[in-house]
Amino acid sequence: MYVCNCNGIREREVRAAVAAGASRPSEIFKACDSAPQCARCVCEMREILEEQRQSLRYAAE
């Protein structure tokens, strides 16, 4: 599934960037060699980042 249609960034690429240490949408764009254009995808990127934080928090318990 595409997260960013403007840059053709797929969900798996976002998740890979997060797994590699990205903690903000700007870092995800950088990891994907892209730049935000319309920024509609930023909310979905933030959701994926929060999902990752939650899973790490539960894993630590």
C-alpha atoms as a PDB file:
ATOM      1  CA  MET A   1       0.000   0.000   0.000  1.00  0.00           C
ATOM      2  CA  TYR A   2       1.238   3.495  -0.799  1.00  0.00           C
ATOM      3  CA  VAL A   3       1.623   5.906   2.094  1.00  0.00           C
ATOM      4  CA  CYS A   4       2.912   8.783  -0.037  1.00  0.00           C
ATOM      5  CA  ASN A   5       1.487   8.973  -3.522  1.00  0.00           C
ATOM      6  CA  CYS A   6       3.544  12.035  -4.485  1.00  0.00           C
ATOM      7  CA  ASN A   7       6.850  10.234  -3.907  1.00  0.00           C
ATOM      8  CA  GLY A   8       5.702   6.640  -4.382  1.00  0.00           C
ATOM      9  CA  ILE A   9       6.646   5.641  -0.831  1.00  0.00           C
ATOM     10  CA  ARG A  10       5.120   2.346   0.246  1.00  0.00           C
ATOM     11  CA  GLU A  11       4.193   1.281   3.771  1.00  0.00           C
ATOM     12  CA  ARG A  12       6.988  -1.289   3.865  1.00  0.00           C
ATOM     13  CA  GLU A  13       9.524   1.458   3.075  1.00  0.00           C
ATOM     14  CA  VAL A  14       8.141   3.617   5.895  1.00  0.00           C
ATOM     15  CA  ARG A  15       8.329   0.688   8.308  1.00  0.00           C
ATOM     16  CA  ALA A  16      11.885  -0.088   7.178  1.00  0.00           C
ATOM     17  CA  ALA A  17      12.906   3.530   7.795  1.00  0.00           C
ATOM     18  CA  VAL A  18      11.329   3.420  11.256  1.00  0.00           C
ATOM     19  CA  ALA A  19      13.080   0.128  12.020  1.00  0.00           C
ATOM     20  CA  ALA A  20      16.350   1.750  10.940  1.00  0.00           C
ATOM     21  CA  GLY A  21      15.848   4.540  13.466  1.00  0.00           C
ATOM     22  CA  ALA A  22      13.646   7.210  11.879  1.00  0.00           C
ATOM     23  CA  SER A  23      11.578   8.903  14.571  1.00  0.00           C
ATOM     24  CA  ARG A  24       9.940  11.733  12.610  1.00  0.00           C
ATOM     25  CA  PRO A  25       8.294  12.011   9.186  1.00  0.00           C
ATOM     26  CA  SER A  26      11.154  14.217   7.967  1.00  0.00           C
ATOM     27  CA  GLU A  27      13.587  11.399   8.764  1.00  0.00           C
ATOM     28  CA  ILE A  28      11.388   8.930   6.871  1.00  0.00           C
ATOM     29  CA  PHE A  29      11.469  11.187   3.804  1.00  0.00           C
ATOM     30  CA  LYS A  30      15.249  11.474   4.110  1.00  0.00           C
ATOM     31  CA  ALA A  31      15.619   7.684   4.378  1.00  0.00           C
ATOM     32  CA  CYS A  32      13.508   7.323   1.225  1.00  0.00           C
ATOM     33  CA  ASP A  33      15.508  10.003  -0.644  1.00  0.00           C
ATOM     34  CA  SER A  34      12.367  12.135  -0.941  1.00  0.00           C
ATOM     35  CA  ALA A  35      10.911  15.410   0.247  1.00  0.00           C
ATOM     36  CA  PRO A  36       7.368  16.197   1.383  1.00  0.00           C
ATOM     37  CA  GLN A  37       5.194  17.694  -1.309  1.00  0.00           C
ATOM     38  CA  CYS A  38       1.509  17.845  -0.371  1.00  0.00           C
ATOM     39  CA  ALA A  39       2.119  16.422   3.159  1.00  0.00           C
ATOM     40  CA  ARG A  40      -1.093  14.356   3.170  1.00  0.00           C
ATOM     41  CA  CYS A  41       0.977  11.314   4.108  1.00  0.00           C
ATOM     42  CA  VAL A  42       2.485  12.849   7.251  1.00  0.00           C
ATOM     43  CA  CYS A  43      -0.484  11.824   9.433  1.00  0.00           C
ATOM     44  CA  GLU A  44      -0.196   8.216   8.314  1.00  0.00           C
ATOM     45  CA  MET A  45       3.556   8.267   8.894  1.00  0.00           C
ATOM     46  CA  ARG A  46       2.953   9.566  12.417  1.00  0.00           C
ATOM     47  CA  GLU A  47       0.461   6.736  13.008  1.00  0.00           C
ATOM     48  CA  ILE A  48       3.063   4.177  11.938  1.00  0.00           C
ATOM     49  CA  LEU A  49       5.656   5.818  14.199  1.00  0.00           C
ATOM     50  CA  GLU A  50       3.243   5.709  17.158  1.00  0.00           C
ATOM     51  CA  GLU A  51       2.406   2.071  16.386  1.00  0.00           C
ATOM     52  CA  GLN A  52       6.106   1.252  16.546  1.00  0.00           C
ATOM     53  CA  ARG A  53       6.538   3.139  19.839  1.00  0.00           C
ATOM     54  CA  GLN A  54       3.591   1.276  21.349  1.00  0.00           C
ATOM     55  CA  SER A  55       4.908  -2.118  20.258  1.00  0.00           C
ATOM     56  CA  LEU A  56       8.320  -1.337  21.764  1.00  0.00           C
ATOM     57  CA  ARG A  57       6.696  -0.149  24.980  1.00  0.00           C
ATOM     58  CA  TYR A  58       4.699  -3.377  25.316  1.00  0.00           C
ATOM     59  CA  ALA A  59       7.731  -5.488  24.453  1.00  0.00           C
ATOM     60  CA  ALA A  60       9.674  -3.844  27.277  1.00  0.00           C
ATOM     61  CA  GLU A  61       7.059  -4.785  29.866  1.00  0.00           C
END
